[in-house]
């Protein structure tokens, strides 16, 4: 099962929060629904600036423990090479997940296969 390690911040980049989850979009929706969960309104955690996808739970937990102990400069050093402008990665993540999900199409009934009515 896939696991994600992520770093989320507020609009002023004052706080960097490290987290671990199995469904990143669902977790981000939770942060949006609970804006004052960790901080007041001015410091809402609403900007995903970094994430890593891990293949198994043990690797993810080890990486989470490591990243959680990082200082702010170390976390910034992780973020800057992949997201130098600190833009919110949520939009791209939603777009990418939309490409992976294929809609369930209902098979059309051709005129020759019409159901017989009794």
PDB file of N, CA and C in Angstrom:
ATOM      1  N   UNK A   1       0.834  -1.184   0.000  1.00  0.00           N
ATOM      2  CA  UNK A   1       0.000   0.000   0.000  1.00  0.00           C
ATOM      3  C   UNK A   1       0.876   1.244   0.000  1.00  0.00           C
ATOM      4  N   UNK A   2       0.497   2.214  -0.804  1.00  0.00           N
ATOM      5  CA  UNK A   2       1.287   3.439  -0.900  1.00  0.00           C
ATOM      6  C   UNK A   2       1.097   4.311   0.334  1.00  0.00           C
ATOM      7  N   UNK A   3       2.177   4.951   0.737  1.00  0.00           N
ATOM      8  CA  UNK A   3       2.148   5.918   1.835  1.00  0.00           C
ATOM      9  C   UNK A   3       2.827   7.190   1.353  1.00  0.00           C
ATOM     10  N   UNK A   4       2.397   8.312   1.896  1.00  0.00           N
ATOM     11  CA  UNK A   4       2.946   9.603   1.522  1.00  0.00           C
ATOM     12  C   UNK A   4       3.511  10.307   2.747  1.00  0.00           C
ATOM     13  N   UNK A   5       4.708  10.857   2.588  1.00  0.00           N
ATOM     14  CA  UNK A   5       5.273  11.780   3.566  1.00  0.00           C
ATOM     15  C   UNK A   5       5.132  13.152   2.926  1.00  0.00           C
ATOM     16  N   UNK A   6       4.594  14.108   3.665  1.00  0.00           N
ATOM     17  CA  UNK A   6       4.341  15.415   3.079  1.00  0.00           C
ATOM     18  C   UNK A   6       4.770  16.521   4.032  1.00  0.00           C
ATOM     19  N   UNK A   7       5.001  17.686   3.445  1.00  0.00           N
ATOM     20  CA  UNK A   7       5.252  18.900   4.223  1.00  0.00           C
ATOM     21  C   UNK A   7       4.229  19.919   3.761  1.00  0.00           C
ATOM     22  N   UNK A   8       3.492  20.452   4.719  1.00  0.00           N
ATOM     23  CA  UNK A   8       2.456  21.437   4.452  1.00  0.00           C
ATOM     24  C   UNK A   8       2.788  22.696   5.242  1.00  0.00           C
ATOM     25  N   UNK A   9       2.474  23.845   4.682  1.00  0.00           N
ATOM     26  CA  UNK A   9       2.811  25.103   5.331  1.00  0.00           C
ATOM     27  C   UNK A   9       1.651  26.085   5.219  1.00  0.00           C
ATOM     28  N   UNK A  10       1.789  27.227   5.864  1.00  0.00           N
ATOM     29  CA  UNK A  10       0.781  28.281   5.775  1.00  0.00           C
ATOM     30  C   UNK A  10       1.158  29.245   4.656  1.00  0.00           C
ATOM     31  N   UNK A  11       0.322  30.236   4.412  1.00  0.00           N
ATOM     32  CA  UNK A  11       0.556  31.139   3.284  1.00  0.00           C
ATOM     33  C   UNK A  11       1.811  31.988   3.448  1.00  0.00           C
ATOM     34  N   UNK A  12       2.241  32.220   4.687  1.00  0.00           N
ATOM     35  CA  UNK A  12       3.441  33.020   4.926  1.00  0.00           C
ATOM     36  C   UNK A  12       4.701  32.179   5.128  1.00  0.00           C
ATOM     37  N   UNK A  13       4.550  30.870   5.022  1.00  0.00           N
ATOM     38  CA  UNK A  13       5.652  29.921   5.200  1.00  0.00           C
ATOM     39  C   UNK A  13       6.288  29.996   6.589  1.00  0.00           C
ATOM     40  N   UNK A  14       5.507  30.338   7.596  1.00  0.00           N
ATOM     41  CA  UNK A  14       6.040  30.410   8.956  1.00  0.00           C
ATOM     42  C   UNK A  14       6.172  29.044   9.605  1.00  0.00           C
ATOM     43  N   UNK A  15       5.222  28.160   9.333  1.00  0.00           N
ATOM     44  CA  UNK A  15       5.192  26.839   9.952  1.00  0.00           C
ATOM     45  C   UNK A  15       5.361  25.766   8.892  1.00  0.00           C
ATOM     46  N   UNK A  16       6.170  24.776   9.204  1.00  0.00           N
ATOM     47  CA  UNK A  16       6.331  23.617   8.334  1.00  0.00           C
ATOM     48  C   UNK A  16       5.894  22.389   9.129  1.00  0.00           C
ATOM     49  N   UNK A  17       4.862  21.731   8.646  1.00  0.00           N
ATOM     50  CA  UNK A  17       4.324  20.560   9.336  1.00  0.00           C
ATOM     51  C   UNK A  17       4.599  19.319   8.492  1.00  0.00           C
ATOM     52  N   UNK A  18       5.193  18.300   9.104  1.00  0.00           N
ATOM     53  CA  UNK A  18       5.492  17.038   8.428  1.00  0.00           C
ATOM     54  C   UNK A  18       4.414  16.038   8.808  1.00  0.00           C
ATOM     55  N   UNK A  19       3.919  15.297   7.807  1.00  0.00           N
ATOM     56  CA  UNK A  19       2.884  14.309   8.081  1.00  0.00           C
ATOM     57  C   UNK A  19       3.081  13.043   7.277  1.00  0.00           C
ATOM     58  N   UNK A  20       2.322  12.025   7.651  1.00  0.00           N
ATOM     59  CA  UNK A  20       2.348  10.722   7.000  1.00  0.00           C
ATOM     60  C   UNK A  20       0.908  10.291   6.786  1.00  0.00           C
ATOM     61  N   UNK A  21       0.580   9.846   5.576  1.00  0.00           N
ATOM     62  CA  UNK A  21      -0.794   9.416   5.301  1.00  0.00           C
ATOM     63  C   UNK A  21      -0.807   8.400   4.168  1.00  0.00           C
ATOM     64  N   UNK A  22      -1.969   7.785   3.969  1.00  0.00           N
ATOM     65  CA  UNK A  22      -2.125   6.835   2.868  1.00  0.00           C
ATOM     66  C   UNK A  22      -2.906   7.449   1.704  1.00  0.00           C
ATOM     67  N   UNK A  23      -3.691   8.491   1.967  1.00  0.00           N
ATOM     68  CA  UNK A  23      -4.454   9.172   0.917  1.00  0.00           C
ATOM     69  C   UNK A  23      -4.187  10.674   1.042  1.00  0.00           C
ATOM     70  N   UNK A  24      -3.319  11.176   0.219  1.00  0.00           N
ATOM     71  CA  UNK A  24      -2.863  12.562   0.337  1.00  0.00           C
ATOM     72  C   UNK A  24      -3.981  13.568   0.047  1.00  0.00           C
ATOM     73  N   UNK A  25      -4.785  13.329  -0.972  1.00  0.00           N
ATOM     74  CA  UNK A  25      -5.866  14.265  -1.289  1.00  0.00           C
ATOM     75  C   UNK A  25      -6.904  14.331  -0.171  1.00  0.00           C
ATOM     76  N   UNK A  26      -7.212  13.195   0.413  1.00  0.00           N
ATOM     77  CA  UNK A  26      -8.164  13.160   1.520  1.00  0.00           C
ATOM     78  C   UNK A  26      -7.615  13.909   2.732  1.00  0.00           C
ATOM     79  N   UNK A  27      -6.328  13.768   2.995  1.00  0.00           N
ATOM     80  CA  UNK A  27      -5.687  14.466   4.104  1.00  0.00           C
ATOM     81  C   UNK A  27      -5.695  15.972   3.870  1.00  0.00           C
ATOM     82  N   UNK A  28      -5.419  16.402   2.647  1.00  0.00           N
ATOM     83  CA  UNK A  28      -5.427  17.828   2.337  1.00  0.00           C
ATOM     84  C   UNK A  28      -6.833  18.415   2.465  1.00  0.00           C
ATOM     85  N   UNK A  29      -7.838  17.642   2.074  1.00  0.00           N
ATOM     86  CA  UNK A  29      -9.221  18.091   2.264  1.00  0.00           C
ATOM     87  C   UNK A  29      -9.535  18.253   3.747  1.00  0.00           C
ATOM     88  N   UNK A  30      -9.012  17.348   4.554  1.00  0.00           N
ATOM     89  CA  UNK A  30      -9.216  17.449   5.999  1.00  0.00           C
ATOM     90  C   UNK A  30      -8.619  18.746   6.548  1.00  0.00           C
ATOM     91  N   UNK A  31      -7.413  19.089   6.103  1.00  0.00           N
ATOM     92  CA  UNK A  31      -6.788  20.345   6.543  1.00  0.00           C
ATOM     93  C   UNK A  31      -7.626  21.550   6.122  1.00  0.00           C
ATOM     94  N   UNK A  32      -8.235  21.486   4.949  1.00  0.00           N
ATOM     95  CA  UNK A  32      -9.057  22.601   4.487  1.00  0.00           C
ATOM     96  C   UNK A  32     -10.367  22.708   5.273  1.00  0.00           C
ATOM     97  N   UNK A  33     -10.914  21.577   5.665  1.00  0.00           N
ATOM     98  CA  UNK A  33     -12.151  21.591   6.438  1.00  0.00           C
ATOM     99  C   UNK A  33     -11.937  22.008   7.886  1.00  0.00           C
ATOM    100  N   UNK A  34     -10.742  21.778   8.402  1.00  0.00           N
ATOM    101  CA  UNK A  34     -10.428  22.114   9.791  1.00  0.00           C
ATOM    102  C   UNK A  34      -9.306  23.160   9.808  1.00  0.00           C
ATOM    103  N   UNK A  35      -9.587  24.393   9.404  1.00  0.00           N
ATOM    104  CA  UNK A  35      -8.521  25.387   9.228  1.00  0.00           C
ATOM    105  C   UNK A  35      -7.787  25.771  10.510  1.00  0.00           C
ATOM    106  N   UNK A  36      -8.435  25.666  11.647  1.00  0.00           N
ATOM    107  CA  UNK A  36      -7.781  26.070  12.892  1.00  0.00           C
ATOM    108  C   UNK A  36      -7.395  24.863  13.741  1.00  0.00           C
ATOM    109  N   UNK A  37      -7.122  23.764  13.113  1.00  0.00           N
ATOM    110  CA  UNK A  37      -6.782  22.539  13.836  1.00  0.00           C
ATOM    111  C   UNK A  37      -5.506  22.693  14.651  1.00  0.00           C
ATOM    112  N   UNK A  38      -4.458  23.212  14.030  1.00  0.00           N
ATOM    113  CA  UNK A  38      -3.179  23.353  14.724  1.00  0.00           C
ATOM    114  C   UNK A  38      -2.888  24.789  15.132  1.00  0.00           C
ATOM    115  N   UNK A  39      -3.353  25.752  14.332  1.00  0.00           N
ATOM    116  CA  UNK A  39      -3.006  27.151  14.560  1.00  0.00           C
ATOM    117  C   UNK A  39      -4.249  28.016  14.391  1.00  0.00           C
ATOM    118  N   UNK A  40      -4.103  29.312  14.614  1.00  0.00           N
ATOM    119  CA  UNK A  40      -5.231  30.226  14.405  1.00  0.00           C
ATOM    120  C   UNK A  40      -5.427  30.493  12.909  1.00  0.00           C
ATOM    121  N   UNK A  41      -6.397  31.316  12.575  1.00  0.00           N
ATOM    122  CA  UNK A  41      -6.744  31.569  11.174  1.00  0.00           C
ATOM    123  C   UNK A  41      -5.596  32.130  10.352  1.00  0.00           C
ATOM    124  N   UNK A  42      -4.733  32.934  10.960  1.00  0.00           N
ATOM    125  CA  UNK A  42      -3.630  33.549  10.219  1.00  0.00           C
ATOM    126  C   UNK A  42      -2.601  32.520   9.770  1.00  0.00           C
ATOM    127  N   UNK A  43      -2.519  31.404  10.472  1.00  0.00           N
ATOM    128  CA  UNK A  43      -1.497  30.406  10.164  1.00  0.00           C
ATOM    129  C   UNK A  43      -2.105  29.070   9.733  1.00  0.00           C
ATOM    130  N   UNK A  44      -3.141  29.120   8.917  1.00  0.00           N
ATOM    131  CA  UNK A  44      -3.766  27.887   8.433  1.00  0.00           C
ATOM    132  C   UNK A  44      -2.782  27.086   7.600  1.00  0.00           C
ATOM    133  N   UNK A  45      -2.703  25.806   7.868  1.00  0.00           N
ATOM    134  CA  UNK A  45      -1.860  24.933   7.053  1.00  0.00           C
ATOM    135  C   UNK A  45      -2.661  24.551   5.812  1.00  0.00           C
ATOM    136  N   UNK A  46      -2.338  25.164   4.691  1.00  0.00           N
ATOM    137  CA  UNK A  46      -3.148  24.922   3.495  1.00  0.00           C
ATOM    138  C   UNK A  46      -2.334  24.821   2.215  1.00  0.00           C
ATOM    139  N   UNK A  47      -1.019  24.810   2.310  1.00  0.00           N
ATOM    140  CA  UNK A  47      -0.192  24.785   1.108  1.00  0.00           C
ATOM    141  C   UNK A  47       0.735  23.569   1.137  1.00  0.00           C
ATOM    142  N   UNK A  48       0.468  22.609   0.269  1.00  0.00           N
ATOM    143  CA  UNK A  48       1.328  21.434   0.148  1.00  0.00           C
ATOM    144  C   UNK A  48       2.559  21.843  -0.652  1.00  0.00           C
ATOM    145  N   UNK A  49       3.736  21.766  -0.038  1.00  0.00           N
ATOM    146  CA  UNK A  49       4.945  22.209  -0.726  1.00  0.00           C
ATOM    147  C   UNK A  49       5.900  21.063  -1.056  1.00  0.00           C
ATOM    148  N   UNK A  50       5.671  19.886  -0.459  1.00  0.00           N
ATOM    149  CA  UNK A  50       6.575  18.768  -0.696  1.00  0.00           C
ATOM    150  C   UNK A  50       5.862  17.468  -0.339  1.00  0.00           C
ATOM    151  N   UNK A  51       6.100  16.428  -1.125  1.00  0.00           N
ATOM    152  CA  UNK A  51       5.637  15.099  -0.729  1.00  0.00           C
ATOM    153  C   UNK A  51       6.496  14.032  -1.378  1.00  0.00           C
ATOM    154  N   UNK A  52       6.542  12.881  -0.737  1.00  0.00           N
ATOM    155  CA  UNK A  52       7.241  11.705  -1.249  1.00  0.00           C
ATOM    156  C   UNK A  52       6.270  10.540  -1.201  1.00  0.00           C
ATOM    157  N   UNK A  53       6.318   9.693  -2.200  1.00  0.00           N
ATOM    158  CA  UNK A  53       5.482   8.502  -2.244  1.00  0.00           C
ATOM    159  C   UNK A  53       6.355   7.298  -1.915  1.00  0.00           C
ATOM    160  N   UNK A  54       5.920   6.507  -0.946  1.00  0.00           N
ATOM    161  CA  UNK A  54       6.676   5.334  -0.524  1.00  0.00           C
ATOM    162  C   UNK A  54       5.894   4.069  -0.864  1.00  0.00           C
ATOM    163  N   UNK A  55       6.630   3.009  -1.155  1.00  0.00           N
ATOM    164  CA  UNK A  55       6.002   1.755  -1.545  1.00  0.00           C
ATOM    165  C   UNK A  55       5.444   0.937  -0.403  1.00  0.00           C
ATOM    166  N   UNK A  56       6.101   0.984   0.755  1.00  0.00           N
ATOM    167  CA  UNK A  56       5.574   0.197   1.869  1.00  0.00           C
ATOM    168  C   UNK A  56       5.588   1.002   3.166  1.00  0.00           C
ATOM    169  N   UNK A  57       4.889   0.482   4.141  1.00  0.00           N
ATOM    170  CA  UNK A  57       4.650   1.214   5.386  1.00  0.00           C
ATOM    171  C   UNK A  57       5.914   1.372   6.230  1.00  0.00           C
ATOM    172  N   UNK A  58       6.758   0.372   6.257  1.00  0.00           N
ATOM    173  CA  UNK A  58       7.974   0.438   7.078  1.00  0.00           C
ATOM    174  C   UNK A  58       8.926   1.527   6.585  1.00  0.00           C
ATOM    175  N   UNK A  59       9.126   1.590   5.269  1.00  0.00           N
ATOM    176  CA  UNK A  59       9.982   2.630   4.699  1.00  0.00           C
ATOM    177  C   UNK A  59       9.399   4.008   4.968  1.00  0.00           C
ATOM    178  N   UNK A  60       8.101   4.120   4.824  1.00  0.00           N
ATOM    179  CA  UNK A  60       7.440   5.404   5.035  1.00  0.00           C
ATOM    180  C   UNK A  60       7.579   5.857   6.483  1.00  0.00           C
ATOM    181  N   UNK A  61       7.395   4.952   7.420  1.00  0.00           N
ATOM    182  CA  UNK A  61       7.506   5.307   8.834  1.00  0.00           C
ATOM    183  C   UNK A  61       8.936   5.708   9.186  1.00  0.00           C
ATOM    184  N   UNK A  62       9.922   4.994   8.651  1.00  0.00           N
ATOM    185  CA  UNK A  62      11.324   5.362   8.901  1.00  0.00           C
ATOM    186  C   UNK A  62      11.637   6.741   8.326  1.00  0.00           C
ATOM    187  N   UNK A  63      11.177   6.990   7.118  1.00  0.00           N
ATOM    188  CA  UNK A  63      11.427   8.291   6.485  1.00  0.00           C
ATOM    189  C   UNK A  63      10.704   9.414   7.235  1.00  0.00           C
ATOM    190  N   UNK A  64       9.476   9.149   7.680  1.00  0.00           N
ATOM    191  CA  UNK A  64       8.717  10.125   8.446  1.00  0.00           C
ATOM    192  C   UNK A  64       9.450  10.484   9.742  1.00  0.00           C
ATOM    193  N   UNK A  65       9.950   9.477  10.431  1.00  0.00           N
ATOM    194  CA  UNK A  65      10.679   9.733  11.681  1.00  0.00           C
ATOM    195  C   UNK A  65      11.931  10.559  11.416  1.00  0.00           C
ATOM    196  N   UNK A  66      12.602  10.291  10.317  1.00  0.00           N
ATOM    197  CA  UNK A  66      13.806  11.034   9.964  1.00  0.00           C
ATOM    198  C   UNK A  66      13.478  12.487   9.634  1.00  0.00           C
ATOM    199  N   UNK A  67      12.510  12.690   8.748  1.00  0.00           N
ATOM    200  CA  UNK A  67      12.154  14.045   8.318  1.00  0.00           C
ATOM    201  C   UNK A  67      11.577  14.852   9.481  1.00  0.00           C
ATOM    202  N   UNK A  68      10.864  14.204  10.372  1.00  0.00           N
ATOM    203  CA  UNK A  68      10.284  14.900  11.521  1.00  0.00           C
ATOM    204  C   UNK A  68      11.350  15.490  12.447  1.00  0.00           C
ATOM    205  N   UNK A  69      12.519  14.892  12.463  1.00  0.00           N
ATOM    206  CA  UNK A  69      13.587  15.406  13.331  1.00  0.00           C
ATOM    207  C   UNK A  69      14.418  16.505  12.663  1.00  0.00           C
ATOM    208  N   UNK A  70      14.170  16.751  11.374  1.00  0.00           N
ATOM    209  CA  UNK A  70      14.929  17.774  10.661  1.00  0.00           C
ATOM    210  C   UNK A  70      14.635  19.160  11.222  1.00  0.00           C
ATOM    211  N   UNK A  71      15.636  20.009  11.156  1.00  0.00           N
ATOM    212  CA  UNK A  71      15.451  21.413  11.510  1.00  0.00           C
ATOM    213  C   UNK A  71      14.806  22.133  10.320  1.00  0.00           C
ATOM    214  N   UNK A  72      14.388  23.345  10.543  1.00  0.00           N
ATOM    215  CA  UNK A  72      13.765  24.104   9.451  1.00  0.00           C
ATOM    216  C   UNK A  72      14.701  24.262   8.248  1.00  0.00           C
ATOM    217  N   UNK A  73      15.973  24.639   8.429  1.00  0.00           N
ATOM    218  CA  UNK A  73      16.862  24.739   7.251  1.00  0.00           C
ATOM    219  C   UNK A  73      17.015  23.418   6.491  1.00  0.00           C
ATOM    220  N   UNK A  74      16.992  22.299   7.194  1.00  0.00           N
ATOM    221  CA  UNK A  74      17.094  21.010   6.517  1.00  0.00           C
ATOM    222  C   UNK A  74      15.836  20.730   5.695  1.00  0.00           C
ATOM    223  N   UNK A  75      14.667  21.068   6.239  1.00  0.00           N
ATOM    224  CA  UNK A  75      13.423  20.880   5.496  1.00  0.00           C
ATOM    225  C   UNK A  75      13.392  21.795   4.277  1.00  0.00           C
ATOM    226  N   UNK A  76      13.832  23.032   4.441  1.00  0.00           N
ATOM    227  CA  UNK A  76      13.881  23.954   3.307  1.00  0.00           C
ATOM    228  C   UNK A  76      14.828  23.442   2.233  1.00  0.00           C
ATOM    229  N   UNK A  77      15.897  22.820   2.643  1.00  0.00           N
ATOM    230  CA  UNK A  77      16.862  22.262   1.692  1.00  0.00           C
ATOM    231  C   UNK A  77      16.239  21.102   0.901  1.00  0.00           C
ATOM    232  N   UNK A  78      15.304  20.386   1.512  1.00  0.00           N
ATOM    233  CA  UNK A  78      14.573  19.324   0.806  1.00  0.00           C
ATOM    234  C   UNK A  78      13.578  19.909  -0.184  1.00  0.00           C
ATOM    235  N   UNK A  79      12.909  20.986   0.214  1.00  0.00           N
ATOM    236  CA  UNK A  79      11.823  21.560  -0.584  1.00  0.00           C
ATOM    237  C   UNK A  79      12.346  22.328  -1.795  1.00  0.00           C
ATOM    238  N   UNK A  80      13.360  23.154  -1.615  1.00  0.00           N
ATOM    239  CA  UNK A  80      13.804  24.076  -2.668  1.00  0.00           C
ATOM    240  C   UNK A  80      14.203  23.428  -3.994  1.00  0.00           C
ATOM    241  N   UNK A  81      14.896  22.291  -4.019  1.00  0.00           N
ATOM    242  CA  UNK A  81      15.232  21.705  -5.340  1.00  0.00           C
ATOM    243  C   UNK A  81      14.013  21.263  -6.161  1.00  0.00           C
ATOM    244  N   UNK A  82      12.948  20.813  -5.494  1.00  0.00           N
ATOM    245  CA  UNK A  82      11.782  20.322  -6.233  1.00  0.00           C
ATOM    246  C   UNK A  82      10.668  21.359  -6.352  1.00  0.00           C
ATOM    247  N   UNK A  83      10.671  22.364  -5.479  1.00  0.00           N
ATOM    248  CA  UNK A  83       9.624  23.385  -5.490  1.00  0.00           C
ATOM    249  C   UNK A  83      10.232  24.723  -5.062  1.00  0.00           C
ATOM    250  N   UNK A  84      11.053  25.326  -5.919  1.00  0.00           N
ATOM    251  CA  UNK A  84      11.783  26.540  -5.525  1.00  0.00           C
ATOM    252  C   UNK A  84      10.899  27.737  -5.194  1.00  0.00           C
ATOM    253  N   UNK A  85       9.708  27.816  -5.794  1.00  0.00           N
ATOM    254  CA  UNK A  85       8.811  28.950  -5.535  1.00  0.00           C
ATOM    255  C   UNK A  85       7.785  28.656  -4.441  1.00  0.00           C
ATOM    256  N   UNK A  86       7.845  27.476  -3.851  1.00  0.00           N
ATOM    257  CA  UNK A  86       6.952  27.070  -2.772  1.00  0.00           C
ATOM    258  C   UNK A  86       5.485  27.170  -3.200  1.00  0.00           C
ATOM    259  N   UNK A  87       5.190  26.789  -4.434  1.00  0.00           N
ATOM    260  CA  UNK A  87       3.810  26.828  -4.892  1.00  0.00           C
ATOM    261  C   UNK A  87       3.042  25.644  -4.293  1.00  0.00           C
ATOM    262  N   UNK A  88       1.732  25.780  -4.256  1.00  0.00           N
ATOM    263  CA  UNK A  88       0.882  24.714  -3.738  1.00  0.00           C
ATOM    264  C   UNK A  88       0.808  23.594  -4.768  1.00  0.00           C
ATOM    265  N   UNK A  89       1.179  22.389  -4.393  1.00  0.00           N
ATOM    266  CA  UNK A  89       1.218  21.256  -5.312  1.00  0.00           C
ATOM    267  C   UNK A  89      -0.112  20.516  -5.403  1.00  0.00           C
ATOM    268  N   UNK A  90      -1.105  20.979  -4.680  1.00  0.00           N
ATOM    269  CA  UNK A  90      -2.395  20.288  -4.634  1.00  0.00           C
ATOM    270  C   UNK A  90      -3.065  20.233  -6.004  1.00  0.00           C
ATOM    271  N   UNK A  91      -3.049  21.317  -6.748  1.00  0.00           N
ATOM    272  CA  UNK A  91      -3.720  21.352  -8.051  1.00  0.00           C
ATOM    273  C   UNK A  91      -3.127  20.317  -9.000  1.00  0.00           C
ATOM    274  N   UNK A  92      -1.815  20.241  -9.061  1.00  0.00           N
ATOM    275  CA  UNK A  92      -1.165  19.247  -9.910  1.00  0.00           C
ATOM    276  C   UNK A  92      -1.447  17.830  -9.463  1.00  0.00           C
ATOM    277  N   UNK A  93      -1.522  17.640  -8.158  1.00  0.00           N
ATOM    278  CA  UNK A  93      -1.811  16.320  -7.610  1.00  0.00           C
ATOM    279  C   UNK A  93      -3.232  15.891  -7.955  1.00  0.00           C
ATOM    280  N   UNK A  94      -4.174  16.823  -7.861  1.00  0.00           N
ATOM    281  CA  UNK A  94      -5.563  16.510  -8.228  1.00  0.00           C
ATOM    282  C   UNK A  94      -5.668  16.189  -9.709  1.00  0.00           C
ATOM    283  N   UNK A  95      -4.962  16.949 -10.542  1.00  0.00           N
ATOM    284  CA  UNK A  95      -4.976  16.699 -11.986  1.00  0.00           C
ATOM    285  C   UNK A  95      -4.394  15.322 -12.285  1.00  0.00           C
ATOM    286  N   UNK A  96      -3.261  15.012 -11.661  1.00  0.00           N
ATOM    287  CA  UNK A  96      -2.597  13.738 -11.910  1.00  0.00           C
ATOM    288  C   UNK A  96      -3.452  12.563 -11.437  1.00  0.00           C
ATOM    289  N   UNK A  97      -4.102  12.700 -10.304  1.00  0.00           N
ATOM    290  CA  UNK A  97      -4.943  11.605  -9.817  1.00  0.00           C
ATOM    291  C   UNK A  97      -6.164  11.439 -10.720  1.00  0.00           C
ATOM    292  N   UNK A  98      -6.626  12.524 -11.319  1.00  0.00           N
ATOM    293  CA  UNK A  98      -7.739  12.433 -12.257  1.00  0.00           C
ATOM    294  C   UNK A  98      -7.371  11.675 -13.512  1.00  0.00           C
ATOM    295  N   UNK A  99      -6.112  11.758 -13.920  1.00  0.00           N
ATOM    296  CA  UNK A  99      -5.662  11.025 -15.099  1.00  0.00           C
ATOM    297  C   UNK A  99      -5.566   9.536 -14.827  1.00  0.00           C
ATOM    298  N   UNK A 100      -5.252   9.185 -13.589  1.00  0.00           N
ATOM    299  CA  UNK A 100      -5.091   7.769 -13.241  1.00  0.00           C
ATOM    300  C   UNK A 100      -6.425   7.042 -13.135  1.00  0.00           C
ATOM    301  N   UNK A 101      -7.457   7.746 -12.749  1.00  0.00           N
ATOM    302  CA  UNK A 101      -8.758   7.126 -12.546  1.00  0.00           C
ATOM    303  C   UNK A 101      -9.507   7.101 -13.874  1.00  0.00           C
ATOM    304  N   UNK A 102      -9.875   5.938 -14.275  1.00  0.00           N
ATOM    305  CA  UNK A 102     -10.635   5.815 -15.514  1.00  0.00           C
ATOM    306  C   UNK A 102     -12.111   5.707 -15.161  1.00  0.00           C
ATOM    307  N   UNK A 103     -12.923   6.464 -15.846  1.00  0.00           N
ATOM    308  CA  UNK A 103     -14.352   6.413 -15.521  1.00  0.00           C
ATOM    309  C   UNK A 103     -14.956   5.068 -15.894  1.00  0.00           C
ATOM    310  N   UNK A 104     -15.921   4.672 -15.124  1.00  0.00           N
ATOM    311  CA  UNK A 104     -16.642   3.441 -15.419  1.00  0.00           C
ATOM    312  C   UNK A 104     -17.675   3.762 -16.491  1.00  0.00           C
ATOM    313  N   UNK A 105     -17.454   3.273 -17.687  1.00  0.00           N
ATOM    314  CA  UNK A 105     -18.359   3.553 -18.787  1.00  0.00           C
ATOM    315  C   UNK A 105     -19.414   2.457 -18.885  1.00  0.00           C
ATOM    316  N   UNK A 106     -20.601   2.881 -19.096  1.00  0.00           N
ATOM    317  CA  UNK A 106     -21.689   1.925 -19.278  1.00  0.00           C
ATOM    318  C   UNK A 106     -21.681   1.487 -20.723  1.00  0.00           C
ATOM    319  N   UNK A 107     -21.691   0.205 -20.961  1.00  0.00           N
ATOM    320  CA  UNK A 107     -21.704  -0.248 -22.360  1.00  0.00           C
ATOM    321  C   UNK A 107     -22.992   0.187 -23.035  1.00  0.00           C
ATOM    322  N   UNK A 108     -22.860   0.696 -24.217  1.00  0.00           N
ATOM    323  CA  UNK A 108     -24.053   1.159 -24.936  1.00  0.00           C
ATOM    324  C   UNK A 108     -24.746  -0.031 -25.588  1.00  0.00           C
ATOM    325  N   UNK A 109     -26.000   0.120 -25.723  1.00  0.00           N
ATOM    326  CA  UNK A 109     -26.773  -0.931 -26.383  1.00  0.00           C
ATOM    327  C   UNK A 109     -26.910  -0.573 -27.853  1.00  0.00           C
ATOM    328  N   UNK A 110     -26.440  -1.438 -28.681  1.00  0.00           N
ATOM    329  CA  UNK A 110     -26.567  -1.184 -30.116  1.00  0.00           C
ATOM    330  C   UNK A 110     -27.994  -1.505 -30.546  1.00  0.00           C
ATOM    331  N   UNK A 111     -28.438  -0.923 -31.667  1.00  0.00           N
ATOM    332  CA  UNK A 111     -29.827  -1.170 -32.121  1.00  0.00           C
ATOM    333  C   UNK A 111     -30.127  -2.649 -32.322  1.00  0.00           C
ATOM    334  N   UNK A 112     -29.143  -3.432 -32.708  1.00  0.00           N
ATOM    335  CA  UNK A 112     -29.391  -4.847 -32.951  1.00  0.00           C
ATOM    336  C   UNK A 112     -29.522  -5.638 -31.659  1.00  0.00           C
ATOM    337  N   UNK A 113     -29.104  -5.032 -30.527  1.00  0.00           N
ATOM    338  CA  UNK A 113     -29.138  -5.752 -29.261  1.00  0.00           C
ATOM    339  C   UNK A 113     -30.208  -5.204 -28.320  1.00  0.00           C
ATOM    340  N   UNK A 114     -31.247  -4.578 -28.876  1.00  0.00           N
ATOM    341  CA  UNK A 114     -32.312  -4.045 -28.046  1.00  0.00           C
ATOM    342  C   UNK A 114     -33.002  -5.165 -27.285  1.00  0.00           C
ATOM    343  N   UNK A 115     -33.413  -4.806 -26.088  1.00  0.00           N
ATOM    344  CA  UNK A 115     -34.089  -5.808 -25.260  1.00  0.00           C
ATOM    345  C   UNK A 115     -35.505  -6.066 -25.792  1.00  0.00           C
ATOM    346  N   UNK A 116     -35.866  -7.283 -25.726  1.00  0.00           N
ATOM    347  CA  UNK A 116     -37.224  -7.642 -26.173  1.00  0.00           C
ATOM    348  C   UNK A 116     -38.195  -7.373 -25.025  1.00  0.00           C
ATOM    349  N   UNK A 117     -39.282  -6.729 -25.362  1.00  0.00           N
ATOM    350  CA  UNK A 117     -40.295  -6.465 -24.349  1.00  0.00           C
ATOM    351  C   UNK A 117     -41.382  -7.516 -24.452  1.00  0.00           C
ATOM    352  N   UNK A 118     -41.874  -7.906 -23.331  1.00  0.00           N
ATOM    353  CA  UNK A 118     -42.891  -8.953 -23.313  1.00  0.00           C
ATOM    354  C   UNK A 118     -44.263  -8.383 -23.211  1.00  0.00           C
TER     355      UNK A 118
END
